[in-house]
């Protein structure tokens, strides 16, 4: 006696296996995305240290020395010292030049509505 699986035509078996693999892949990648959720890469910008001392501060921490090429997420403060220059490059290729003795706070969606009257809705700069 043949099993129902063997009685099904080859096309039906291929359709069942394909559908099962597709469902498994969708569930596995969706679960993986939920388990590893973090800030989107697009929300991060690259800091280029051109000269001098540049420091960064994430929420709830003190300023620490920045590394050239460091990724900067939302709500991170960047401070330049005297004779220091840095450039913040956004994902779309636009840049913000940070001059000596300045502090820039890279914004998030709510930062500008509450505290920053600047026209560029991505960052707020003030003299240190």
Protein backbone atom coordinates (compact mmCIF):
# COMPACT_ATOMS: atom_id res chain seq x y z
CA UNK A 1 0.00 0.00 0.00
CA UNK A 2 1.42 3.37 -1.05
CA UNK A 3 1.43 6.36 1.28
CA UNK A 4 -0.55 9.49 0.37
CA UNK A 5 2.76 11.28 -0.25
CA UNK A 6 3.75 8.73 -2.90
CA UNK A 7 0.31 8.84 -4.51
CA UNK A 8 0.52 12.62 -5.02
CA UNK A 9 1.85 13.75 -8.38
CA UNK A 10 5.37 15.13 -8.69
CA UNK A 11 4.03 18.68 -9.26
CA UNK A 12 1.94 18.53 -6.08
CA UNK A 13 4.91 17.27 -4.04
CA UNK A 14 7.14 20.06 -5.38
CA UNK A 15 4.45 22.65 -4.58
CA UNK A 16 4.08 21.34 -1.01
CA UNK A 17 7.84 21.30 -0.39
CA UNK A 18 8.26 24.78 -1.93
CA UNK A 19 5.44 26.26 0.12
CA UNK A 20 6.80 24.68 3.30
CA UNK A 21 10.31 26.05 2.65
CA UNK A 22 8.95 29.50 1.88
CA UNK A 23 6.85 29.55 5.06
CA UNK A 24 9.81 28.36 7.14
CA UNK A 25 12.10 31.01 5.64
CA UNK A 26 9.61 33.81 6.28
CA UNK A 27 9.07 32.74 9.88
CA UNK A 28 12.79 32.24 10.56
CA UNK A 29 13.91 35.57 9.12
CA UNK A 30 11.05 37.47 10.76
CA UNK A 31 11.87 35.97 14.13
CA UNK A 32 15.56 36.70 13.59
CA UNK A 33 14.78 40.34 12.74
CA UNK A 34 12.73 40.72 15.92
CA UNK A 35 15.41 39.10 18.08
CA UNK A 36 18.23 41.25 16.73
CA UNK A 37 16.34 44.54 16.47
CA UNK A 38 18.55 47.56 16.96
CA UNK A 39 19.01 50.98 15.47
CA UNK A 40 18.78 51.00 11.73
CA UNK A 41 22.07 51.36 9.93
CA UNK A 42 20.57 54.28 8.04
CA UNK A 43 20.12 56.10 11.35
CA UNK A 44 23.87 56.10 11.86
CA UNK A 45 26.35 58.56 10.41
CA UNK A 46 30.13 58.37 10.04
CA UNK A 47 32.41 60.71 11.98
CA UNK A 48 35.65 61.71 10.30
CA UNK A 49 38.24 63.32 12.58
CA UNK A 50 40.26 65.75 10.46
CA UNK A 51 42.45 67.29 13.15
CA UNK A 52 42.78 67.76 16.89
CA UNK A 53 40.74 66.28 19.71
CA UNK A 54 37.17 65.13 19.07
CA UNK A 55 35.00 63.51 21.76
CA UNK A 56 31.57 61.86 21.67
CA UNK A 57 28.95 61.33 24.37
CA UNK A 58 26.07 58.90 24.16
CA UNK A 59 23.03 59.37 26.38
CA UNK A 60 23.87 58.79 30.03
CA UNK A 61 27.66 58.68 29.56
CA UNK A 62 30.57 61.09 29.74
CA UNK A 63 32.50 62.40 26.75
CA UNK A 64 35.12 59.96 25.47
CA UNK A 65 37.68 60.26 22.67
CA UNK A 66 36.19 59.64 19.23
CA UNK A 67 37.77 57.37 16.66
CA UNK A 68 38.10 58.32 13.01
CA UNK A 69 35.37 56.47 11.10
CA UNK A 70 33.24 55.92 14.19
CA UNK A 71 29.52 55.36 13.59
CA UNK A 72 27.34 57.95 15.31
CA UNK A 73 23.73 57.17 16.18
CA UNK A 74 20.86 59.47 17.09
CA UNK A 75 21.10 61.70 20.17
CA UNK A 76 24.90 61.50 20.36
CA UNK A 77 26.84 64.67 21.18
CA UNK A 78 30.10 65.43 19.37
CA UNK A 79 32.53 67.99 20.82
CA UNK A 80 35.61 69.44 19.15
CA UNK A 81 38.50 70.98 21.02
CA UNK A 82 40.60 74.01 20.05
CA UNK A 83 42.19 73.62 16.59
CA UNK A 84 40.00 70.54 15.99
CA UNK A 85 37.92 69.78 12.92
CA UNK A 86 35.55 66.92 12.16
CA UNK A 87 33.00 65.99 9.52
CA UNK A 88 29.78 64.06 10.08
CA UNK A 89 28.63 62.21 6.94
CA UNK A 90 25.02 61.08 6.71
CA UNK A 91 23.89 58.01 4.81
CA UNK A 92 22.62 60.11 1.89
CA UNK A 93 26.11 61.63 1.45
CA UNK A 94 25.41 65.05 2.95
CA UNK A 95 27.97 66.33 5.43
CA UNK A 96 28.15 68.64 8.41
CA UNK A 97 31.51 70.23 9.19
CA UNK A 98 32.18 70.68 12.90
CA UNK A 99 34.50 73.61 13.57
CA UNK A 100 36.88 74.07 16.56
CA UNK A 101 35.39 74.54 20.04
CA UNK A 102 31.92 73.38 18.96
CA UNK A 103 29.40 70.84 20.09
CA UNK A 104 26.94 69.10 17.79
CA UNK A 105 24.06 66.95 19.02
CA UNK A 106 22.95 64.52 16.33
CA UNK A 107 19.19 64.64 16.45
CA UNK A 108 16.45 62.13 16.64
CA UNK A 109 12.84 62.60 15.59
CA UNK A 110 11.78 64.47 18.72
CA UNK A 111 14.95 66.45 19.49
CA UNK A 112 14.24 69.26 17.05
CA UNK A 113 10.62 69.82 17.92
CA UNK A 114 11.49 70.45 21.55
CA UNK A 115 14.96 71.95 21.76
CA UNK A 116 16.50 72.88 18.44
CA UNK A 117 15.23 75.81 16.36
CA UNK A 118 17.71 75.11 13.54
CA UNK A 119 16.67 74.63 9.93
CA UNK A 120 18.66 71.38 9.46
CA UNK A 121 16.39 68.87 11.15
CA UNK A 122 19.17 66.30 11.58
CA UNK A 123 21.55 68.07 13.96
CA UNK A 124 21.83 71.05 16.27
CA UNK A 125 25.10 72.95 16.68
CA UNK A 126 26.09 75.34 19.40
CA UNK A 127 29.37 76.97 20.40
CA UNK A 128 31.09 75.20 23.28
